[in-house]
Amino acid sequence: MTSLLKTTYMLSIVLSLSGCVLDSVRTHSSALEEIDNGNLHTLFINGKTTKRDVLTKLGPPINDKGDIATPIWLYHYRHEKIPHFLPKVGPLAGQDKTLSLRFDEKGVLADAVLIDKAAN
């Protein structure tokens, strides 16, 4: 019985610590997770992609104040890995992405810019 208690105690400590080490935080539009500068202009085509297309793919922008007529839409994605005992560098830092979409007066995409950097 004593060994079962010790095993249970050790298992609870290991699971508690692994939860702290492997914790992560995700914020905003997770739809941006798979978008990078390599596929940006195949997903969002200047002169062809409409506001409706973007709403279908990404949902409403973060700067949407009920006025979808805004010519620039912003999307933000942050996935922060939080290893509590290691410095946040390289792949441990996570991702921080901001997508800026500029539309013309007809609601057609004029320009798309993705800023992808390590989370700080």
C-alpha atoms as a PDB file:
ATOM      1  CA  MET A   1       0.000   0.000   0.000  1.00  0.00           C
ATOM      2  CA  THR A   2       2.846   2.368   0.772  1.00  0.00           C
ATOM      3  CA  SER A   3       4.353   1.935  -2.710  1.00  0.00           C
ATOM      4  CA  LEU A   4       0.953   2.703  -4.289  1.00  0.00           C
ATOM      5  CA  LEU A   5       0.730   5.929  -2.298  1.00  0.00           C
ATOM      6  CA  LYS A   6       4.277   6.904  -3.284  1.00  0.00           C
ATOM      7  CA  THR A   7       3.542   6.155  -6.938  1.00  0.00           C
ATOM      8  CA  THR A   8       0.333   8.192  -6.853  1.00  0.00           C
ATOM      9  CA  TYR A   9       2.105  11.066  -5.126  1.00  0.00           C
ATOM     10  CA  MET A  10       4.982  11.070  -7.635  1.00  0.00           C
ATOM     11  CA  LEU A  11       2.583  10.839 -10.560  1.00  0.00           C
ATOM     12  CA  SER A  12       0.592  13.827  -9.286  1.00  0.00           C
ATOM     13  CA  ILE A  13       3.780  15.886  -8.926  1.00  0.00           C
ATOM     14  CA  VAL A  14       4.988  14.977 -12.425  1.00  0.00           C
ATOM     15  CA  LEU A  15       1.616  15.822 -13.971  1.00  0.00           C
ATOM     16  CA  SER A  16       1.437  19.116 -12.084  1.00  0.00           C
ATOM     17  CA  LEU A  17       4.890  20.155 -13.219  1.00  0.00           C
ATOM     18  CA  SER A  18       4.318  19.091 -16.814  1.00  0.00           C
ATOM     19  CA  GLY A  19       1.208  21.258 -16.877  1.00  0.00           C
ATOM     20  CA  CYS A  20       3.291  24.271 -15.890  1.00  0.00           C
ATOM     21  CA  VAL A  21       6.037  23.541 -18.388  1.00  0.00           C
ATOM     22  CA  LEU A  22       3.842  22.753 -21.368  1.00  0.00           C
ATOM     23  CA  ASP A  23       1.355  25.552 -20.834  1.00  0.00           C
ATOM     24  CA  SER A  24       0.601  27.768 -23.816  1.00  0.00           C
ATOM     25  CA  VAL A  25      -1.609  30.740 -24.627  1.00  0.00           C
ATOM     26  CA  ARG A  26      -3.441  31.287 -27.905  1.00  0.00           C
ATOM     27  CA  THR A  27      -5.198  34.528 -28.676  1.00  0.00           C
ATOM     28  CA  HIS A  28      -7.297  36.044 -31.436  1.00  0.00           C
ATOM     29  CA  SER A  29      -7.844  34.487 -34.823  1.00  0.00           C
ATOM     30  CA  SER A  30      -6.528  30.927 -34.892  1.00  0.00           C
ATOM     31  CA  ALA A  31      -7.405  30.916 -38.618  1.00  0.00           C
ATOM     32  CA  LEU A  32      -4.078  32.741 -39.131  1.00  0.00           C
ATOM     33  CA  GLU A  33      -2.127  29.829 -37.680  1.00  0.00           C
ATOM     34  CA  GLU A  34      -1.700  28.101 -41.063  1.00  0.00           C
ATOM     35  CA  ILE A  35      -1.133  31.293 -43.083  1.00  0.00           C
ATOM     36  CA  ASP A  36       2.438  32.320 -43.851  1.00  0.00           C
ATOM     37  CA  ASN A  37       4.191  34.508 -46.420  1.00  0.00           C
ATOM     38  CA  GLY A  38       4.532  31.470 -48.696  1.00  0.00           C
ATOM     39  CA  ASN A  39       0.789  30.898 -49.119  1.00  0.00           C
ATOM     40  CA  LEU A  40      -0.585  34.377 -48.349  1.00  0.00           C
ATOM     41  CA  HIS A  41      -1.021  35.480 -51.963  1.00  0.00           C
ATOM     42  CA  THR A  42      -2.566  32.189 -53.048  1.00  0.00           C
ATOM     43  CA  LEU A  43      -5.203  32.447 -50.309  1.00  0.00           C
ATOM     44  CA  PHE A  44      -5.820  36.180 -50.743  1.00  0.00           C
ATOM     45  CA  ILE A  45      -5.500  37.305 -54.367  1.00  0.00           C
ATOM     46  CA  ASN A  46      -5.164  41.033 -55.015  1.00  0.00           C
ATOM     47  CA  GLY A  47      -7.894  42.272 -57.363  1.00  0.00           C
ATOM     48  CA  LYS A  48      -9.991  39.102 -56.875  1.00  0.00           C
ATOM     49  CA  THR A  49     -10.580  38.302 -53.181  1.00  0.00           C
ATOM     50  CA  THR A  50     -13.582  40.145 -51.736  1.00  0.00           C
ATOM     51  CA  LYS A  51     -14.476  41.177 -48.196  1.00  0.00           C
ATOM     52  CA  ARG A  52     -17.053  38.376 -48.174  1.00  0.00           C
ATOM     53  CA  ASP A  53     -14.326  35.838 -49.059  1.00  0.00           C
ATOM     54  CA  VAL A  54     -12.190  37.081 -46.165  1.00  0.00           C
ATOM     55  CA  LEU A  55     -15.117  36.999 -43.725  1.00  0.00           C
ATOM     56  CA  THR A  56     -15.742  33.385 -44.735  1.00  0.00           C
ATOM     57  CA  LYS A  57     -12.086  32.382 -44.238  1.00  0.00           C
ATOM     58  CA  LEU A  58     -11.146  34.448 -41.180  1.00  0.00           C
ATOM     59  CA  GLY A  59     -14.291  35.908 -39.644  1.00  0.00           C
ATOM     60  CA  PRO A  60     -14.601  39.574 -38.664  1.00  0.00           C
ATOM     61  CA  PRO A  61     -11.439  41.666 -38.279  1.00  0.00           C
ATOM     62  CA  ILE A  62     -10.216  42.840 -34.882  1.00  0.00           C
ATOM     63  CA  ASN A  63     -10.695  46.470 -35.895  1.00  0.00           C
ATOM     64  CA  ASP A  64     -14.368  45.876 -36.796  1.00  0.00           C
ATOM     65  CA  LYS A  65     -16.462  48.417 -34.930  1.00  0.00           C
ATOM     66  CA  GLY A  66     -19.651  47.406 -36.735  1.00  0.00           C
ATOM     67  CA  ASP A  67     -18.482  49.304 -39.825  1.00  0.00           C
ATOM     68  CA  ILE A  68     -17.460  46.666 -42.378  1.00  0.00           C
ATOM     69  CA  ALA A  69     -16.859  49.544 -44.823  1.00  0.00           C
ATOM     70  CA  THR A  70     -13.442  50.115 -43.184  1.00  0.00           C
ATOM     71  CA  PRO A  71     -10.848  49.915 -45.991  1.00  0.00           C
ATOM     72  CA  ILE A  72      -8.168  48.181 -43.866  1.00  0.00           C
ATOM     73  CA  TRP A  73      -8.923  45.029 -41.920  1.00  0.00           C
ATOM     74  CA  LEU A  74      -6.557  43.688 -39.256  1.00  0.00           C
ATOM     75  CA  TYR A  75      -6.232  40.162 -37.912  1.00  0.00           C
ATOM     76  CA  HIS A  76      -3.952  39.078 -35.113  1.00  0.00           C
ATOM     77  CA  TYR A  77      -2.816  35.651 -33.951  1.00  0.00           C
ATOM     78  CA  ARG A  78      -0.568  34.927 -31.011  1.00  0.00           C
ATOM     79  CA  HIS A  79       0.498  31.510 -29.809  1.00  0.00           C
ATOM     80  CA  GLU A  80       2.789  31.847 -26.870  1.00  0.00           C
ATOM     81  CA  LYS A  81       4.526  28.812 -25.465  1.00  0.00           C
ATOM     82  CA  ILE A  82       5.321  29.331 -21.817  1.00  0.00           C
ATOM     83  CA  PRO A  83       8.078  27.136 -20.435  1.00  0.00           C
ATOM     84  CA  HIS A  84       8.398  28.685 -16.995  1.00  0.00           C
ATOM     85  CA  PHE A  85      11.996  27.706 -16.395  1.00  0.00           C
ATOM     86  CA  LEU A  86      13.489  28.403 -19.866  1.00  0.00           C
ATOM     87  CA  PRO A  87      14.078  31.732 -21.643  1.00  0.00           C
ATOM     88  CA  LYS A  88      11.675  32.615 -24.445  1.00  0.00           C
ATOM     89  CA  VAL A  89      13.928  32.270 -27.477  1.00  0.00           C
ATOM     90  CA  GLY A  90      13.636  30.539 -30.834  1.00  0.00           C
ATOM     91  CA  PRO A  91      10.851  27.968 -31.066  1.00  0.00           C
ATOM     92  CA  LEU A  92      10.077  28.354 -27.355  1.00  0.00           C
ATOM     93  CA  ALA A  93       8.880  31.915 -27.925  1.00  0.00           C
ATOM     94  CA  GLY A  94       5.844  30.967 -30.031  1.00  0.00           C
ATOM     95  CA  GLN A  95       4.324  32.996 -32.854  1.00  0.00           C
ATOM     96  CA  ASP A  96       2.954  36.487 -33.247  1.00  0.00           C
ATOM     97  CA  LYS A  97       1.239  37.212 -36.584  1.00  0.00           C
ATOM     98  CA  THR A  98      -0.538  40.312 -37.820  1.00  0.00           C
ATOM     99  CA  LEU A  99      -2.380  40.309 -41.134  1.00  0.00           C
ATOM    100  CA  SER A 100      -3.334  43.606 -42.733  1.00  0.00           C
ATOM    101  CA  LEU A 101      -5.784  43.545 -45.658  1.00  0.00           C
ATOM    102  CA  ARG A 102      -6.496  46.734 -47.630  1.00  0.00           C
ATOM    103  CA  PHE A 103      -9.599  46.878 -49.804  1.00  0.00           C
ATOM    104  CA  ASP A 104     -10.569  49.213 -52.634  1.00  0.00           C
ATOM    105  CA  GLU A 105     -13.857  51.137 -52.718  1.00  0.00           C
ATOM    106  CA  LYS A 106     -15.620  48.102 -54.288  1.00  0.00           C
ATOM    107  CA  GLY A 107     -14.615  45.805 -51.419  1.00  0.00           C
ATOM    108  CA  VAL A 108     -11.996  43.920 -53.433  1.00  0.00           C
ATOM    109  CA  LEU A 109      -8.570  43.185 -51.961  1.00  0.00           C
ATOM    110  CA  ALA A 110      -5.928  45.706 -53.031  1.00  0.00           C
ATOM    111  CA  ASP A 111      -3.052  44.569 -50.788  1.00  0.00           C
ATOM    112  CA  ALA A 112      -2.265  41.913 -48.168  1.00  0.00           C
ATOM    113  CA  VAL A 113       0.669  42.110 -45.721  1.00  0.00           C
ATOM    114  CA  LEU A 114       1.573  39.483 -43.120  1.00  0.00           C
ATOM    115  CA  ILE A 115       4.000  40.216 -40.327  1.00  0.00           C
ATOM    116  CA  ASP A 116       5.155  36.962 -38.740  1.00  0.00           C
ATOM    117  CA  LYS A 117       7.605  37.080 -35.841  1.00  0.00           C
ATOM    118  CA  ALA A 118       8.503  35.237 -32.691  1.00  0.00           C
ATOM    119  CA  ALA A 119       6.306  36.128 -29.733  1.00  0.00           C
ATOM    120  CA  ASN A 120       7.973  38.242 -27.046  1.00  0.00           C
END
